[in-house]
N, C-alpha and C. Protein backbone atom coordinates (compact mmCIF):
# COMPACT_ATOMS: atom_id res chain seq x y z
N MET A 1 82.98 -260.28 118.09
CA MET A 1 82.00 -259.30 117.81
C MET A 1 81.36 -259.06 116.95
N GLU A 2 79.92 -258.86 117.18
CA GLU A 2 79.03 -258.76 116.52
C GLU A 2 78.51 -257.01 116.22
N GLN A 3 78.43 -256.62 114.82
CA GLN A 3 78.16 -255.47 114.46
C GLN A 3 76.77 -254.53 114.69
N GLU A 4 76.87 -253.83 115.27
CA GLU A 4 75.45 -252.30 115.30
C GLU A 4 75.40 -252.45 114.20
N ILE A 5 73.41 -252.54 113.85
CA ILE A 5 73.19 -252.39 112.99
C ILE A 5 72.30 -250.93 113.05
N LEU A 6 73.07 -249.54 112.93
CA LEU A 6 72.79 -248.39 112.95
C LEU A 6 71.73 -247.54 112.27
N ASP A 7 70.08 -247.86 112.93
CA ASP A 7 69.07 -247.28 112.30
C ASP A 7 69.52 -246.05 111.46
N GLU A 8 69.52 -245.74 110.41
CA GLU A 8 69.68 -244.00 109.45
C GLU A 8 68.61 -243.18 110.50
N PRO A 9 68.86 -241.88 110.43
CA PRO A 9 67.98 -240.96 111.32
C PRO A 9 66.57 -241.02 110.28
N THR A 10 65.22 -240.69 110.83
CA THR A 10 64.52 -240.51 109.93
C THR A 10 64.08 -239.00 109.13
N VAL A 11 64.69 -238.65 108.24
CA VAL A 11 65.27 -237.03 108.01
C VAL A 11 63.67 -236.57 107.03
N GLN A 12 62.97 -235.64 107.83
CA GLN A 12 61.71 -235.08 107.11
C GLN A 12 61.78 -233.64 106.65
N ARG A 13 61.34 -233.93 104.92
CA ARG A 13 62.29 -233.08 103.93
C ARG A 13 60.56 -232.65 103.13
N ALA A 14 61.24 -231.18 103.27
CA ALA A 14 59.88 -230.71 103.05
C ALA A 14 59.94 -230.21 102.38
N GLU A 15 58.44 -229.72 101.81
CA GLU A 15 58.03 -229.77 100.31
C GLU A 15 57.72 -228.63 99.96
N PRO A 16 58.84 -228.70 98.72
CA PRO A 16 58.99 -228.04 97.67
C PRO A 16 57.72 -226.83 96.96
N HIS A 17 57.85 -225.38 97.81
CA HIS A 17 56.79 -224.39 97.47
C HIS A 17 57.37 -223.84 95.89
N PRO A 18 57.26 -224.07 95.14
CA PRO A 18 57.57 -223.42 93.95
C PRO A 18 56.86 -222.37 93.36
N ASP A 19 55.70 -221.61 94.25
CA ASP A 19 55.33 -220.47 94.23
C ASP A 19 56.32 -219.29 94.86
N ALA A 20 56.76 -219.84 96.86
CA ALA A 20 57.31 -219.05 96.77
C ALA A 20 58.68 -218.40 96.67
N ALA A 21 59.53 -219.38 95.01
CA ALA A 21 60.64 -218.87 95.18
C ALA A 21 60.12 -217.80 93.51
N PRO A 22 61.08 -217.06 94.32
CA PRO A 22 60.89 -215.01 93.27
C PRO A 22 61.80 -216.08 91.41
N LYS A 23 60.43 -214.92 90.30
CA LYS A 23 60.24 -215.28 89.91
C LYS A 23 61.41 -215.00 88.95
N PRO A 24 61.24 -215.82 88.11
CA PRO A 24 63.27 -215.12 87.06
C PRO A 24 63.11 -213.84 86.66
N SER A 25 64.68 -213.65 86.88
CA SER A 25 64.77 -211.78 86.27
C SER A 25 65.86 -211.82 85.60
N TYR A 26 66.34 -210.94 85.03
CA TYR A 26 67.63 -210.12 84.55
C TYR A 26 69.14 -209.91 85.65
N ALA A 27 68.34 -209.70 86.77
CA ALA A 27 69.19 -208.76 88.51
C ALA A 27 70.34 -210.12 88.80
N PRO A 28 70.66 -211.14 88.24
CA PRO A 28 72.00 -211.68 88.41
C PRO A 28 73.02 -211.73 87.29
N PHE A 29 72.07 -211.41 86.20
CA PHE A 29 72.99 -210.83 84.93
C PHE A 29 73.45 -209.68 84.95
N LEU A 30 72.26 -209.03 86.14
CA LEU A 30 73.39 -206.96 86.28
C LEU A 30 74.40 -207.33 86.77
N VAL A 31 74.50 -207.81 88.57
CA VAL A 31 75.34 -207.70 88.78
C VAL A 31 76.23 -208.42 88.46
N ALA A 32 76.38 -209.66 87.90
CA ALA A 32 77.53 -210.29 87.30
C ALA A 32 78.04 -208.95 86.27
N LEU A 33 77.69 -208.21 85.32
CA LEU A 33 77.89 -207.73 84.07
C LEU A 33 78.72 -206.28 84.75
N GLY A 34 77.47 -206.13 86.10
CA GLY A 34 78.50 -204.95 86.84
C GLY A 34 79.38 -204.75 87.31
N ILE A 35 79.96 -206.19 87.99
CA ILE A 35 81.16 -206.47 88.65
C ILE A 35 82.28 -206.26 87.23
N THR A 36 81.54 -207.20 85.89
CA THR A 36 82.37 -206.94 84.78
C THR A 36 83.02 -205.44 84.21
N MET A 37 81.89 -204.67 84.44
CA MET A 37 82.58 -203.82 84.54
C MET A 37 83.25 -202.87 85.01
N VAL A 38 83.23 -203.16 85.82
CA VAL A 38 83.97 -202.63 87.06
C VAL A 38 85.63 -202.73 86.71
N PHE A 39 85.79 -203.72 86.97
CA PHE A 39 86.92 -204.49 86.63
C PHE A 39 87.82 -204.18 84.79
N TRP A 40 87.18 -204.08 83.97
CA TRP A 40 87.30 -203.52 83.06
C TRP A 40 87.61 -202.24 83.08
N GLY A 41 87.26 -201.03 83.42
CA GLY A 41 87.21 -200.12 84.51
C GLY A 41 88.51 -199.99 84.42
N LEU A 42 88.18 -200.68 85.43
CA LEU A 42 90.01 -200.36 86.27
C LEU A 42 90.92 -200.71 84.71
N ALA A 43 91.39 -201.51 84.54
CA ALA A 43 92.11 -201.40 82.95
C ALA A 43 92.14 -200.49 82.04
N THR A 44 90.75 -199.90 81.87
CA THR A 44 90.81 -198.98 80.46
C THR A 44 90.10 -197.37 81.22
N SER A 45 89.24 -197.20 81.61
CA SER A 45 88.80 -196.01 81.94
C SER A 45 87.36 -195.74 83.43
N PRO A 46 87.60 -194.58 83.79
CA PRO A 46 87.35 -194.48 84.94
C PRO A 46 85.22 -193.86 85.16
N VAL A 47 85.53 -193.67 83.91
CA VAL A 47 84.36 -193.94 83.31
C VAL A 47 83.05 -194.92 83.42
N MET A 48 83.71 -196.18 82.63
CA MET A 48 83.70 -197.91 82.76
C MET A 48 83.69 -198.35 83.85
N SER A 49 83.69 -198.09 85.32
CA SER A 49 84.24 -198.49 86.56
C SER A 49 83.33 -198.05 86.92
N ALA A 50 82.39 -196.66 86.83
CA ALA A 50 81.55 -195.57 87.36
C ALA A 50 79.94 -195.78 86.49
N GLY A 51 80.13 -196.75 85.70
CA GLY A 51 78.97 -196.73 85.11
C GLY A 51 78.87 -198.34 85.65
N GLY A 52 80.03 -199.20 86.00
CA GLY A 52 80.13 -200.42 86.32
C GLY A 52 79.19 -200.97 87.45
N PHE A 53 80.06 -199.39 88.29
CA PHE A 53 79.29 -199.98 89.65
C PHE A 53 77.17 -199.34 89.74
N ALA A 54 76.98 -198.43 88.58
CA ALA A 54 75.91 -197.98 89.36
C ALA A 54 74.75 -199.28 88.11
N VAL A 55 75.49 -200.25 87.64
CA VAL A 55 75.05 -201.21 87.00
C VAL A 55 74.92 -202.40 87.70
N PHE A 56 75.64 -202.64 88.98
CA PHE A 56 76.39 -203.37 89.87
C PHE A 56 75.13 -203.07 90.86
N ALA A 57 74.67 -202.05 91.88
CA ALA A 57 74.05 -201.34 92.24
C ALA A 57 72.39 -201.64 92.02
N TRP A 58 71.82 -201.36 90.74
CA TRP A 58 71.30 -201.07 90.23
C TRP A 58 69.91 -202.86 90.66
N GLY A 59 70.58 -203.75 90.27
CA GLY A 59 71.07 -205.08 89.75
C GLY A 59 71.31 -205.45 91.27
N LEU A 60 72.05 -205.46 91.89
CA LEU A 60 72.02 -205.84 93.22
C LEU A 60 70.49 -205.29 94.15
N TRP A 61 70.39 -203.66 93.49
CA TRP A 61 69.12 -203.55 95.28
C TRP A 61 67.97 -204.55 93.52
N SER A 62 67.34 -205.00 92.50
CA SER A 62 66.35 -205.41 92.13
C SER A 62 66.55 -207.04 92.40
N TRP A 63 67.58 -207.34 92.26
CA TRP A 63 67.89 -209.20 93.80
C TRP A 63 67.14 -208.62 94.71
N ILE A 64 67.96 -208.07 95.60
CA ILE A 64 67.10 -207.90 96.75
C ILE A 64 65.93 -207.88 97.01
N ARG A 65 64.82 -206.42 96.65
CA ARG A 65 63.50 -205.67 96.19
C ARG A 65 63.27 -207.84 95.72
N ASP A 66 63.26 -208.16 95.16
CA ASP A 66 62.68 -209.44 94.40
C ASP A 66 62.79 -210.61 95.28
N ILE A 67 63.51 -211.10 95.84
CA ILE A 67 64.29 -211.71 96.91
C ILE A 67 62.91 -211.14 98.55
N ALA A 68 63.41 -210.41 98.68
CA ALA A 68 62.12 -210.06 100.23
C ALA A 68 60.89 -210.08 99.15
N GLN A 69 60.50 -209.31 98.02
CA GLN A 69 59.26 -209.61 97.65
C GLN A 69 58.33 -210.98 97.87
N ALA A 70 59.04 -212.03 97.18
CA ALA A 70 59.00 -213.29 97.33
C ALA A 70 58.83 -213.94 98.64
N TRP A 71 59.49 -213.19 99.39
CA TRP A 71 59.48 -214.12 101.14
C TRP A 71 58.27 -213.51 101.69
N ARG A 72 58.40 -211.75 101.55
CA ARG A 72 56.77 -211.64 102.46
C ARG A 72 56.01 -212.03 101.94
N ASN A 73 55.29 -212.11 100.40
CA ASN A 73 54.15 -212.60 100.02
C ASN A 73 54.08 -214.25 100.06
N SER A 74 55.11 -215.01 100.71
CA SER A 74 55.33 -216.52 101.21
C SER A 74 54.70 -216.72 102.73
N HIS A 75 55.31 -216.09 103.29
CA HIS A 75 54.83 -215.22 104.77
C HIS A 75 53.73 -214.69 105.12
N ALA A 76 52.75 -214.45 104.18
CA ALA A 76 51.61 -213.85 104.10
C ALA A 76 50.83 -214.67 104.16
N ARG A 77 50.51 -216.12 102.62
CA ARG A 77 50.16 -216.64 102.75
C ARG A 77 50.03 -218.03 103.99
N GLU A 78 50.97 -217.49 104.32
CA GLU A 78 51.51 -219.35 105.74
C GLU A 78 50.52 -218.21 106.96
N SER A 79 50.17 -217.59 106.92
CA SER A 79 49.66 -216.41 108.56
C SER A 79 47.84 -216.90 108.11
């Protein structure tokens, strides 16, 4: 019995668009810090949890805004 040689499918890879990526920011760090503060506050003080939630919300809002802005800019260039 002969073994069939399977051709590997051709994979077309997209060219990277470094200008389409969001700029580096502190937003991921703020999200992580906020989560840490919330859980630390559960063990220590509700004030720490409230502050952590505020830092988390600010970081998440900033991160989503940066990604959306980069997405809008990349689609504006394509049209």
